[in-house]
C-alpha atoms as a PDB file:
ATOM      1  CA  MET A   1      -4.052  19.863   2.495  1.00  0.00           C
ATOM      2  CA  SER A   2      -1.378  19.599  -0.171  1.00  0.00           C
ATOM      3  CA  SER A   3      -0.347  16.732  -2.351  1.00  0.00           C
ATOM      4  CA  PHE A   4       1.903  14.718  -0.799  1.00  0.00           C
ATOM      5  CA  ALA A   5       3.252  14.709  -4.712  1.00  0.00           C
ATOM      6  CA  ASP A   6       3.685  16.795  -7.030  1.00  0.00           C
ATOM      7  CA  ILE A   7       3.968  17.559 -11.619  1.00  0.00           C
ATOM      8  CA  ASN A   8       7.468  17.617 -11.156  1.00  0.00           C
ATOM      9  CA  TYR A   9       8.186  14.357  -9.072  1.00  0.00           C
ATOM     10  CA  TYR A  10       5.327  13.286 -11.470  1.00  0.00           C
ATOM     11  CA  ASN A  11       7.467  13.673 -14.837  1.00  0.00           C
ATOM     12  CA  ASN A  12      10.754  13.389 -13.144  1.00  0.00           C
ATOM     13  CA  VAL A  13      11.057  10.462 -11.034  1.00  0.00           C
ATOM     14  CA  TYR A  14       8.009   8.750 -11.185  1.00  0.00           C
ATOM     15  CA  LYS A  15       7.637   8.917 -14.713  1.00  0.00           C
ATOM     16  CA  GLY A  16       3.508   8.213 -15.849  1.00  0.00           C
ATOM     17  CA  ALA A  17       1.418   8.939 -18.661  1.00  0.00           C
ATOM     18  CA  LYS A  18       0.261  12.754 -19.530  1.00  0.00           C
ATOM     19  CA  ILE A  19      -2.243  13.293 -16.510  1.00  0.00           C
ATOM     20  CA  GLY A  20      -4.888  16.254 -17.960  1.00  0.00           C
ATOM     21  CA  ASN A  21      -4.378  19.859 -18.494  1.00  0.00           C
ATOM     22  CA  ASP A  22      -4.818  20.545 -15.044  1.00  0.00           C
ATOM     23  CA  PRO A  23      -2.134  17.869 -13.202  1.00  0.00           C
ATOM     24  CA  GLU A  24      -1.274  19.887 -10.315  1.00  0.00           C
ATOM     25  CA  THR A  25      -5.820  19.400  -8.860  1.00  0.00           C
ATOM     26  CA  LEU A  26      -5.161  15.845 -10.130  1.00  0.00           C
ATOM     27  CA  LEU A  27      -1.944  15.012  -7.794  1.00  0.00           C
ATOM     28  CA  GLU A  28      -4.009  16.892  -4.775  1.00  0.00           C
ATOM     29  CA  ARG A  29      -7.035  14.269  -5.017  1.00  0.00           C
ATOM     30  CA  ALA A  30      -5.050  11.154  -5.718  1.00  0.00           C
ATOM     31  CA  SER A  31      -3.439  12.654  -2.824  1.00  0.00           C
ATOM     32  CA  ASP A  32      -6.976  13.089  -1.004  1.00  0.00           C
ATOM     33  CA  ILE A  33      -7.766   8.971  -1.644  1.00  0.00           C
ATOM     34  CA  VAL A  34      -4.296   7.651  -0.410  1.00  0.00           C
ATOM     35  CA  ARG A  35      -5.173   9.678   2.658  1.00  0.00           C
ATOM     36  CA  GLN A  36      -8.498   8.031   2.749  1.00  0.00           C
ATOM     37  CA  SER A  37      -6.856   4.806   2.052  1.00  0.00           C
ATOM     38  CA  CYS A  38      -4.216   4.923   5.128  1.00  0.00           C
ATOM     39  CA  ILE A  39      -4.653   4.603   8.862  1.00  0.00           C
ATOM     40  CA  ASN A  40      -2.848   7.055  10.671  1.00  0.00           C
ATOM     41  CA  LEU A  41      -1.139   9.210   7.885  1.00  0.00           C
ATOM     42  CA  PRO A  42       0.209  12.516   9.015  1.00  0.00           C
ATOM     43  CA  ASP A  43      -0.551  16.055   6.414  1.00  0.00           C
ATOM     44  CA  ASP A  44       3.866  15.873   7.152  1.00  0.00           C
ATOM     45  CA  ILE A  45       5.187  12.744   5.460  1.00  0.00           C
ATOM     46  CA  GLU A  46       8.261  14.930   5.986  1.00  0.00           C
ATOM     47  CA  LYS A  47       8.536  12.877   9.588  1.00  0.00           C
ATOM     48  CA  LEU A  48       8.452   9.382   7.965  1.00  0.00           C
ATOM     49  CA  PRO A  49      10.847   7.478   7.403  1.00  0.00           C
ATOM     50  CA  ASP A  50      12.455   8.138   3.660  1.00  0.00           C
ATOM     51  CA  ILE A  51      11.379   4.090   2.119  1.00  0.00           C
ATOM     52  CA  MET A  52       7.472   5.205   3.812  1.00  0.00           C
ATOM     53  CA  GLN A  53       8.020   9.260   2.006  1.00  0.00           C
ATOM     54  CA  GLU A  54       8.620   7.407  -1.203  1.00  0.00           C
ATOM     55  CA  ASN A  55       6.264   4.509  -1.254  1.00  0.00           C
ATOM     56  CA  ILE A  56       3.765   7.258  -1.244  1.00  0.00           C
ATOM     57  CA  ARG A  57       4.476   9.812  -3.771  1.00  0.00           C
ATOM     58  CA  LYS A  58       4.855   7.115  -6.063  1.00  0.00           C
ATOM     59  CA  ALA A  59       1.437   5.570  -4.313  1.00  0.00           C
ATOM     60  CA  VAL A  60       0.358   9.325  -5.001  1.00  0.00           C
ATOM     61  CA  CYS A  61       1.378   9.463  -8.463  1.00  0.00           C
ATOM     62  CA  ALA A  62      -0.272   6.269  -9.232  1.00  0.00           C
ATOM     63  CA  GLN A  63      -3.644   7.130  -8.169  1.00  0.00           C
ATOM     64  CA  ALA A  64      -3.582  10.186 -10.775  1.00  0.00           C
ATOM     65  CA  GLU A  65      -2.550   8.616 -13.774  1.00  0.00           C
ATOM     66  CA  PHE A  66      -5.424   5.524 -13.371  1.00  0.00           C
ATOM     67  CA  MET A  67      -7.511   8.005 -12.998  1.00  0.00           C
ATOM     68  CA  GLU A  68      -6.594  10.243 -15.957  1.00  0.00           C
ATOM     69  CA  MET A  69      -6.584   6.830 -17.505  1.00  0.00           C
ATOM     70  CA  ASN A  70     -10.273   6.621 -16.172  1.00  0.00           C
ATOM     71  CA  GLY A  71     -12.201   9.896 -16.514  1.00  0.00           C
ATOM     72  CA  GLY A  72      -9.668  12.528 -15.199  1.00  0.00           C
ATOM     73  CA  ALA A  73     -11.274  14.103 -11.660  1.00  0.00           C
ATOM     74  CA  GLU A  74     -14.568  14.487 -11.965  1.00  0.00           C
ATOM     75  CA  ALA A  75     -15.475  11.192 -13.020  1.00  0.00           C
ATOM     76  CA  PHE A  76     -14.257  10.365  -9.889  1.00  0.00           C
ATOM     77  CA  ALA A  77     -15.708  12.847  -7.872  1.00  0.00           C
ATOM     78  CA  ASN A  78     -19.177  10.791  -9.215  1.00  0.00           C
ATOM     79  CA  GLU A  79     -20.262   8.386  -6.606  1.00  0.00           C
ATOM     80  CA  ASN A  80     -21.116   5.647  -8.963  1.00  0.00           C
ATOM     81  CA  PHE A  81     -18.122   5.991 -10.605  1.00  0.00           C
ATOM     82  CA  SER A  82     -16.834   2.040 -11.688  1.00  0.00           C
ATOM     83  CA  ALA A  83     -13.164   1.362 -13.482  1.00  0.00           C
ATOM     84  CA  GLY A  84     -13.743  -1.755 -15.098  1.00  0.00           C
ATOM     85  CA  THR A  85     -14.514  -5.199 -13.730  1.00  0.00           C
ATOM     86  CA  GLY A  86     -12.535  -5.386 -10.972  1.00  0.00           C
ATOM     87  CA  PHE A  87      -8.380  -6.250 -10.071  1.00  0.00           C
ATOM     88  CA  SER A  88      -6.242  -8.569  -8.468  1.00  0.00           C
ATOM     89  CA  ILE A  89      -2.986  -8.110  -5.825  1.00  0.00           C
ATOM     90  CA  GLY A  90      -1.479 -11.284  -5.123  1.00  0.00           C
ATOM     91  CA  ASN A  91      -3.969 -13.460  -3.554  1.00  0.00           C
ATOM     92  CA  PHE A  92      -6.247 -10.489  -2.856  1.00  0.00           C
ATOM     93  CA  SER A  93      -9.379  -9.275  -5.952  1.00  0.00           C
ATOM     94  CA  VAL A  94     -12.192  -7.142  -6.354  1.00  0.00           C
ATOM     95  CA  SER A  95     -14.473  -7.947  -8.835  1.00  0.00           C
ATOM     96  CA  LYS A  96     -17.396  -5.801  -9.846  1.00  0.00           C
ATOM     97  CA  GLY A  97     -20.892  -6.552  -9.008  1.00  0.00           C
ATOM     98  CA  SER A  98     -19.637  -9.269  -5.740  1.00  0.00           C
ATOM     99  CA  SER A  99     -20.634  -8.887  -1.869  1.00  0.00           C
ATOM    100  CA  GLY A 100     -19.521 -11.133   0.979  1.00  0.00           C
ATOM    101  CA  SER A 101     -16.193 -11.384   0.035  1.00  0.00           C
ATOM    102  CA  ALA A 102     -13.904 -11.832   2.795  1.00  0.00           C
ATOM    103  CA  GLY A 103     -11.678  -9.653   2.652  1.00  0.00           C
ATOM    104  CA  GLU A 104     -12.905  -7.561  -0.872  1.00  0.00           C
ATOM    105  CA  ASN A 105     -13.208  -4.069   0.879  1.00  0.00           C
ATOM    106  CA  ILE A 106     -11.259  -3.313   4.370  1.00  0.00           C
ATOM    107  CA  SER A 107     -13.287  -1.045   6.642  1.00  0.00           C
ATOM    108  CA  GLY A 108     -14.742  -0.237   2.894  1.00  0.00           C
ATOM    109  CA  LYS A 109     -11.354   1.674   1.767  1.00  0.00           C
ATOM    110  CA  ILE A 110     -10.544  -0.446  -1.249  1.00  0.00           C
ATOM    111  CA  SER A 111     -12.660   0.419  -4.272  1.00  0.00           C
ATOM    112  CA  ALA A 112     -12.653   0.244  -7.939  1.00  0.00           C
ATOM    113  CA  ARG A 113     -11.980   3.428  -7.232  1.00  0.00           C
ATOM    114  CA  ASN A 114      -8.401   2.823  -5.967  1.00  0.00           C
ATOM    115  CA  SER A 115      -5.110   2.515  -8.689  1.00  0.00           C
ATOM    116  CA  PRO A 116      -3.747  -1.457  -7.794  1.00  0.00           C
ATOM    117  CA  ALA A 117      -0.639   0.257  -8.306  1.00  0.00           C
ATOM    118  CA  MET A 118      -1.421   3.385  -5.216  1.00  0.00           C
ATOM    119  CA  ILE A 119      -2.166  -0.022  -3.148  1.00  0.00           C
ATOM    120  CA  SER A 120       1.045  -2.058  -3.446  1.00  0.00           C
ATOM    121  CA  TYR A 121       2.849   1.303  -2.609  1.00  0.00           C
ATOM    122  CA  LEU A 122       0.834   2.106   0.123  1.00  0.00           C
ATOM    123  CA  GLU A 123       0.814  -1.638   1.484  1.00  0.00           C
ATOM    124  CA  ALA A 124       4.444  -2.106   0.590  1.00  0.00           C
ATOM    125  CA  ALA A 125       5.147   1.307   2.809  1.00  0.00           C
ATOM    126  CA  GLY A 126       2.459  -0.729   5.942  1.00  0.00           C
ATOM    127  CA  LEU A 127      -0.450   1.683   5.674  1.00  0.00           C
ATOM    128  CA  LEU A 128      -3.295  -0.325   5.289  1.00  0.00           C
ATOM    129  CA  TYR A 129      -2.917  -2.676   7.631  1.00  0.00           C
ATOM    130  CA  ARG A 130      -6.092  -3.243   9.884  1.00  0.00           C
ATOM    131  CA  GLY A 131      -5.651  -5.661  11.982  1.00  0.00           C
ATOM    132  CA  GLY A 132      -5.628  -4.740  15.956  1.00  0.00           C
ATOM    133  CA  ASN A 133      -2.939  -4.834  18.373  1.00  0.00           C
ATOM    134  CA  ILE A 134      -1.576  -8.129  19.719  1.00  0.00           C
ATOM    135  CA  LEU A 135      -0.876  -8.202  23.623  1.00  0.00           C
END
């Protein structure tokens, strides 16, 4: 699998901070985290509506930037990774060391490893919905 966003997109559209000596690898790792965070995300996002494609690419860029700012891809390979003490998105928050909070982990997909900006982009694309089908 390849990255949903390349360094050209990162530098010229997203315009994020410099991301390491091997930005393509970091963007691939960020794409993997985006895939893990989504429900039914196809490998070929070109089949999705343009607004969803754009939010997915921005989510990858936000995640890559977040990873770089928190130790790079190597730090995220460590299972004991911890970025700060937590984060909040609207009424939703996650705190380091908290347990049992309703919605704290949304099926284990949201953690300190995930950029809050990435989550916001995926949420805007409708890719984080975890509810059941209503008949």
